[in-house]
Amino acid sequence: MGTDNNRRSAGRITTRFEALYSAGREEGFAVLRDISYTGALFGETTIRPEIGKRIRAYVFVQPVSPVELVGEVVRTTDDGFAIRYEIADPEVRRLVDDAAAVVTSEG
């Protein structure tokens, strides 16, 4: 299991969105468990890419079309992995803000 000292540098929002992802030629299904402006945690994964692998994920938030997340695997967990984004994409910021709004309205 890998570690990353900065993995909690940004506030995370707990989510439960379905996602499809690819790591090179491998493809899998996961649940986006939490997200921030700098990274995301995926669980219930069908494959677990190695640390350092580049990931492209499509997160399904209804009724909006999938949001694309691109990043590098920075750690693994018992049933998934975490990625850190390469750049702060406006679409990622919107996804985080939307997820925060959903959590606030349900809480």
N, C-alpha and C. Protein backbone atom coordinates (compact mmCIF):
# COMPACT_ATOMS: atom_id res chain seq x y z
N MET A 1 0.85 -1.17 0.00
CA MET A 1 0.00 0.00 0.00
C MET A 1 0.90 1.23 0.00
N GLY A 2 0.59 2.19 -0.88
CA GLY A 2 1.39 3.40 -0.98
C GLY A 2 0.92 4.46 -0.01
N THR A 3 1.78 5.46 0.16
CA THR A 3 1.42 6.58 1.02
C THR A 3 1.69 7.87 0.27
N ASP A 4 1.05 8.93 0.70
CA ASP A 4 1.24 10.25 0.12
C ASP A 4 0.97 11.26 1.22
N ASN A 5 1.99 12.00 1.60
CA ASN A 5 1.86 12.94 2.72
C ASN A 5 0.87 14.07 2.44
N ASN A 6 0.61 14.40 1.17
CA ASN A 6 -0.27 15.52 0.84
C ASN A 6 -1.67 15.07 0.48
N ARG A 7 -2.01 13.85 0.72
CA ARG A 7 -3.29 13.34 0.22
C ARG A 7 -4.51 14.02 0.85
N ARG A 8 -4.35 14.70 1.94
CA ARG A 8 -5.47 15.38 2.56
C ARG A 8 -5.28 16.90 2.57
N SER A 9 -4.54 17.41 1.58
CA SER A 9 -4.25 18.84 1.55
C SER A 9 -5.45 19.69 1.16
N ALA A 10 -6.47 19.11 0.57
CA ALA A 10 -7.67 19.86 0.19
C ALA A 10 -8.89 19.20 0.82
N GLY A 11 -9.91 20.01 1.14
CA GLY A 11 -11.12 19.47 1.73
C GLY A 11 -11.81 18.48 0.80
N ARG A 12 -12.19 17.34 1.33
CA ARG A 12 -12.82 16.29 0.51
C ARG A 12 -14.31 16.23 0.78
N ILE A 13 -15.05 15.92 -0.29
CA ILE A 13 -16.50 15.78 -0.23
C ILE A 13 -16.82 14.30 -0.44
N THR A 14 -17.57 13.71 0.48
CA THR A 14 -17.96 12.30 0.36
C THR A 14 -19.02 12.18 -0.73
N THR A 15 -18.83 11.20 -1.62
CA THR A 15 -19.77 10.98 -2.73
C THR A 15 -20.04 9.49 -2.89
N ARG A 16 -20.90 9.19 -3.83
CA ARG A 16 -21.15 7.80 -4.21
C ARG A 16 -21.63 7.80 -5.66
N PHE A 17 -20.75 8.23 -6.57
CA PHE A 17 -21.06 8.28 -7.99
C PHE A 17 -20.37 7.12 -8.69
N GLU A 18 -21.06 6.50 -9.64
CA GLU A 18 -20.46 5.43 -10.43
C GLU A 18 -19.47 6.02 -11.41
N ALA A 19 -18.42 5.24 -11.72
CA ALA A 19 -17.39 5.71 -12.64
C ALA A 19 -16.84 4.54 -13.45
N LEU A 20 -16.47 4.84 -14.67
CA LEU A 20 -15.70 3.93 -15.52
C LEU A 20 -14.32 4.54 -15.66
N TYR A 21 -13.28 3.71 -15.70
CA TYR A 21 -11.94 4.27 -15.81
C TYR A 21 -11.05 3.37 -16.63
N SER A 22 -9.97 3.97 -17.14
CA SER A 22 -8.98 3.20 -17.87
C SER A 22 -7.59 3.58 -17.37
N ALA A 23 -6.74 2.58 -17.37
CA ALA A 23 -5.33 2.74 -17.00
C ALA A 23 -4.54 2.03 -18.09
N GLY A 24 -4.18 2.78 -19.11
CA GLY A 24 -3.54 2.15 -20.26
C GLY A 24 -4.56 1.28 -20.98
N ARG A 25 -4.25 0.01 -21.14
CA ARG A 25 -5.17 -0.92 -21.83
C ARG A 25 -6.18 -1.57 -20.90
N GLU A 26 -6.03 -1.36 -19.60
CA GLU A 26 -6.97 -1.92 -18.63
C GLU A 26 -8.14 -0.98 -18.42
N GLU A 27 -9.34 -1.54 -18.28
CA GLU A 27 -10.53 -0.75 -18.00
C GLU A 27 -11.25 -1.35 -16.81
N GLY A 28 -11.94 -0.49 -16.05
CA GLY A 28 -12.63 -0.98 -14.88
C GLY A 28 -13.81 -0.11 -14.49
N PHE A 29 -14.53 -0.58 -13.48
CA PHE A 29 -15.68 0.10 -12.90
C PHE A 29 -15.33 0.41 -11.45
N ALA A 30 -15.84 1.54 -10.95
CA ALA A 30 -15.58 1.92 -9.56
C ALA A 30 -16.69 2.81 -9.05
N VAL A 31 -16.62 3.10 -7.77
CA VAL A 31 -17.49 4.08 -7.13
C VAL A 31 -16.58 5.22 -6.65
N LEU A 32 -16.90 6.44 -7.07
CA LEU A 32 -16.17 7.60 -6.59
C LEU A 32 -16.61 7.85 -5.16
N ARG A 33 -15.70 7.64 -4.20
CA ARG A 33 -16.05 7.74 -2.78
C ARG A 33 -15.91 9.14 -2.22
N ASP A 34 -14.86 9.84 -2.66
CA ASP A 34 -14.74 11.24 -2.27
C ASP A 34 -13.91 11.98 -3.31
N ILE A 35 -14.08 13.30 -3.29
CA ILE A 35 -13.44 14.13 -4.30
C ILE A 35 -13.07 15.47 -3.69
N SER A 36 -12.00 16.05 -4.20
CA SER A 36 -11.59 17.40 -3.82
C SER A 36 -11.09 18.10 -5.07
N TYR A 37 -10.64 19.34 -4.91
CA TYR A 37 -10.09 20.08 -6.05
C TYR A 37 -8.76 19.52 -6.51
N THR A 38 -8.12 18.68 -5.69
CA THR A 38 -6.79 18.16 -6.04
C THR A 38 -6.73 16.66 -6.28
N GLY A 39 -7.79 15.92 -5.90
CA GLY A 39 -7.73 14.47 -6.08
C GLY A 39 -9.05 13.80 -5.80
N ALA A 40 -9.05 12.47 -5.98
CA ALA A 40 -10.26 11.68 -5.80
C ALA A 40 -9.91 10.29 -5.30
N LEU A 41 -10.86 9.69 -4.58
CA LEU A 41 -10.71 8.32 -4.07
C LEU A 41 -11.78 7.45 -4.69
N PHE A 42 -11.35 6.34 -5.29
CA PHE A 42 -12.25 5.37 -5.90
C PHE A 42 -12.23 4.09 -5.09
N GLY A 43 -13.41 3.49 -4.87
CA GLY A 43 -13.52 2.22 -4.16
C GLY A 43 -14.33 1.24 -4.98
N GLU A 44 -14.44 0.02 -4.46
CA GLU A 44 -15.19 -1.04 -5.13
C GLU A 44 -14.72 -1.20 -6.58
N THR A 45 -13.42 -1.12 -6.79
CA THR A 45 -12.84 -1.17 -8.13
C THR A 45 -12.74 -2.59 -8.66
N THR A 46 -12.86 -2.72 -9.98
CA THR A 46 -12.72 -4.03 -10.61
C THR A 46 -11.26 -4.34 -10.92
N ILE A 47 -10.43 -3.31 -11.09
CA ILE A 47 -8.98 -3.48 -11.20
C ILE A 47 -8.33 -2.40 -10.34
N ARG A 48 -7.14 -2.66 -9.86
CA ARG A 48 -6.44 -1.68 -9.03
C ARG A 48 -5.11 -1.35 -9.70
N PRO A 49 -5.03 -0.21 -10.38
CA PRO A 49 -3.79 0.17 -11.07
C PRO A 49 -2.65 0.42 -10.08
N GLU A 50 -1.44 0.32 -10.58
CA GLU A 50 -0.25 0.55 -9.76
C GLU A 50 -0.06 2.03 -9.48
N ILE A 51 0.62 2.33 -8.38
CA ILE A 51 0.98 3.70 -8.05
C ILE A 51 1.84 4.26 -9.18
N GLY A 52 1.53 5.49 -9.58
CA GLY A 52 2.24 6.14 -10.67
C GLY A 52 1.55 6.00 -12.02
N LYS A 53 0.57 5.11 -12.10
CA LYS A 53 -0.15 4.89 -13.37
C LYS A 53 -1.09 6.05 -13.66
N ARG A 54 -1.17 6.45 -14.92
CA ARG A 54 -2.09 7.52 -15.35
C ARG A 54 -3.49 6.94 -15.52
N ILE A 55 -4.49 7.64 -14.97
CA ILE A 55 -5.88 7.19 -14.98
C ILE A 55 -6.74 8.22 -15.70
N ARG A 56 -7.69 7.72 -16.49
CA ARG A 56 -8.73 8.55 -17.09
C ARG A 56 -10.06 7.94 -16.64
N ALA A 57 -10.83 8.73 -15.87
CA ALA A 57 -12.10 8.23 -15.33
C ALA A 57 -13.25 9.10 -15.82
N TYR A 58 -14.40 8.46 -16.00
CA TYR A 58 -15.62 9.15 -16.37
C TYR A 58 -16.62 8.93 -15.24
N VAL A 59 -16.96 10.01 -14.55
CA VAL A 59 -17.85 9.96 -13.39
C VAL A 59 -19.25 10.32 -13.85
N PHE A 60 -20.22 9.48 -13.48
CA PHE A 60 -21.60 9.67 -13.92
C PHE A 60 -22.42 10.35 -12.82
N VAL A 61 -22.75 11.62 -13.08
CA VAL A 61 -23.55 12.42 -12.17
C VAL A 61 -24.85 12.73 -12.90
N GLN A 62 -25.95 12.24 -12.41
CA GLN A 62 -27.24 12.41 -13.09
C GLN A 62 -27.79 13.79 -12.84
N PRO A 63 -28.44 14.44 -13.77
CA PRO A 63 -28.65 14.05 -15.16
C PRO A 63 -27.57 14.58 -16.09
N VAL A 64 -26.49 15.08 -15.54
CA VAL A 64 -25.41 15.65 -16.34
C VAL A 64 -24.63 14.54 -17.03
N SER A 65 -24.06 14.86 -18.19
CA SER A 65 -23.21 13.89 -18.89
C SER A 65 -21.96 13.61 -18.05
N PRO A 66 -21.25 12.52 -18.33
CA PRO A 66 -20.10 12.15 -17.50
C PRO A 66 -19.06 13.26 -17.43
N VAL A 67 -18.41 13.36 -16.28
CA VAL A 67 -17.32 14.30 -16.07
C VAL A 67 -16.03 13.51 -16.15
N GLU A 68 -15.07 14.00 -16.91
CA GLU A 68 -13.80 13.31 -17.07
C GLU A 68 -12.79 13.78 -16.03
N LEU A 69 -12.16 12.83 -15.36
CA LEU A 69 -11.08 13.11 -14.41
C LEU A 69 -9.82 12.42 -14.93
N VAL A 70 -8.71 13.15 -14.95
CA VAL A 70 -7.44 12.58 -15.39
C VAL A 70 -6.42 12.85 -14.31
N GLY A 71 -5.72 11.82 -13.89
CA GLY A 71 -4.72 12.00 -12.85
C GLY A 71 -3.81 10.81 -12.73
N GLU A 72 -2.98 10.83 -11.69
CA GLU A 72 -2.01 9.77 -11.43
C GLU A 72 -2.35 9.08 -10.12
N VAL A 73 -2.25 7.76 -10.10
CA VAL A 73 -2.50 7.00 -8.88
C VAL A 73 -1.40 7.34 -7.87
N VAL A 74 -1.82 7.81 -6.68
CA VAL A 74 -0.85 8.20 -5.65
C VAL A 74 -0.87 7.25 -4.45
N ARG A 75 -1.93 6.45 -4.32
CA ARG A 75 -1.97 5.43 -3.26
C ARG A 75 -3.05 4.42 -3.60
N THR A 76 -2.94 3.26 -2.95
CA THR A 76 -3.95 2.22 -3.11
C THR A 76 -4.57 1.92 -1.75
N THR A 77 -5.79 1.36 -1.79
CA THR A 77 -6.49 0.96 -0.57
C THR A 77 -6.86 -0.50 -0.71
N ASP A 78 -7.54 -1.05 0.28
CA ASP A 78 -7.94 -2.46 0.22
C ASP A 78 -8.83 -2.76 -0.99
N ASP A 79 -9.67 -1.79 -1.39
CA ASP A 79 -10.59 -2.05 -2.50
C ASP A 79 -10.56 -0.96 -3.57
N GLY A 80 -9.48 -0.17 -3.63
CA GLY A 80 -9.46 0.87 -4.63
C GLY A 80 -8.15 1.63 -4.69
N PHE A 81 -8.25 2.90 -5.10
CA PHE A 81 -7.07 3.72 -5.29
C PHE A 81 -7.44 5.20 -5.24
N ALA A 82 -6.43 6.04 -5.03
CA ALA A 82 -6.61 7.49 -5.04
C ALA A 82 -5.76 8.09 -6.14
N ILE A 83 -6.30 9.14 -6.78
CA ILE A 83 -5.55 9.85 -7.81
C ILE A 83 -5.37 11.31 -7.41
N ARG A 84 -4.33 11.91 -7.97
CA ARG A 84 -4.12 13.35 -7.86
C ARG A 84 -4.19 13.89 -9.28
N TYR A 85 -4.88 15.02 -9.44
CA TYR A 85 -5.05 15.61 -10.76
C TYR A 85 -3.79 16.32 -11.19
N GLU A 86 -3.64 16.38 -12.52
CA GLU A 86 -2.50 17.07 -13.09
C GLU A 86 -2.73 18.58 -13.15
N ILE A 87 -3.95 19.01 -13.43
CA ILE A 87 -4.28 20.43 -13.50
C ILE A 87 -5.65 20.65 -12.87
N ALA A 88 -5.91 21.86 -12.45
CA ALA A 88 -7.23 22.19 -11.88
C ALA A 88 -8.17 22.56 -13.03
N ASP A 89 -8.90 21.61 -13.52
CA ASP A 89 -9.83 21.79 -14.62
C ASP A 89 -11.13 22.42 -14.11
N PRO A 90 -11.70 23.40 -14.82
CA PRO A 90 -12.96 24.00 -14.39
C PRO A 90 -14.09 22.97 -14.24
N GLU A 91 -14.08 21.92 -15.07
CA GLU A 91 -15.10 20.89 -14.98
C GLU A 91 -14.98 20.11 -13.67
N VAL A 92 -13.74 19.89 -13.22
CA VAL A 92 -13.51 19.20 -11.94
C VAL A 92 -14.01 20.09 -10.80
N ARG A 93 -13.71 21.37 -10.86
CA ARG A 93 -14.19 22.29 -9.82
C ARG A 93 -15.71 22.28 -9.75
N ARG A 94 -16.38 22.25 -10.91
CA ARG A 94 -17.84 22.21 -10.94
C ARG A 94 -18.36 20.91 -10.32
N LEU A 95 -17.70 19.77 -10.62
CA LEU A 95 -18.11 18.49 -10.04
C LEU A 95 -17.98 18.53 -8.52
N VAL A 96 -16.87 19.05 -8.01
CA VAL A 96 -16.68 19.14 -6.56
C VAL A 96 -17.75 20.04 -5.95
N ASP A 97 -17.99 21.20 -6.56
CA ASP A 97 -19.00 22.12 -6.05
C ASP A 97 -20.39 21.49 -6.07
N ASP A 98 -20.73 20.77 -7.16
CA ASP A 98 -22.02 20.09 -7.26
C ASP A 98 -22.16 19.01 -6.20
N ALA A 99 -21.08 18.24 -5.98
CA ALA A 99 -21.11 17.19 -4.96
C ALA A 99 -21.29 17.80 -3.58
N ALA A 100 -20.63 18.93 -3.31
CA ALA A 100 -20.79 19.60 -2.02
C ALA A 100 -22.22 20.08 -1.83
N ALA A 101 -22.84 20.57 -2.90
CA ALA A 101 -24.23 21.03 -2.82
C ALA A 101 -25.18 19.88 -2.53
N VAL A 102 -24.93 18.71 -3.13
CA VAL A 102 -25.77 17.54 -2.89
C VAL A 102 -25.65 17.10 -1.44
N VAL A 103 -24.41 17.04 -0.93
CA VAL A 103 -24.18 16.62 0.46
C VAL A 103 -24.85 17.59 1.42
N THR A 104 -24.75 18.90 1.15
CA THR A 104 -25.34 19.91 2.02
C THR A 104 -26.87 19.81 2.02
N SER A 105 -27.46 19.57 0.85
CA SER A 105 -28.92 19.49 0.78
C SER A 105 -29.46 18.20 1.40
N GLU A 106 -28.65 17.13 1.43
CA GLU A 106 -29.09 15.86 2.03
C GLU A 106 -28.88 15.88 3.53
N GLY A 107 -27.91 16.68 4.00
CA GLY A 107 -27.54 16.68 5.41
C GLY A 107 -28.50 17.46 6.21
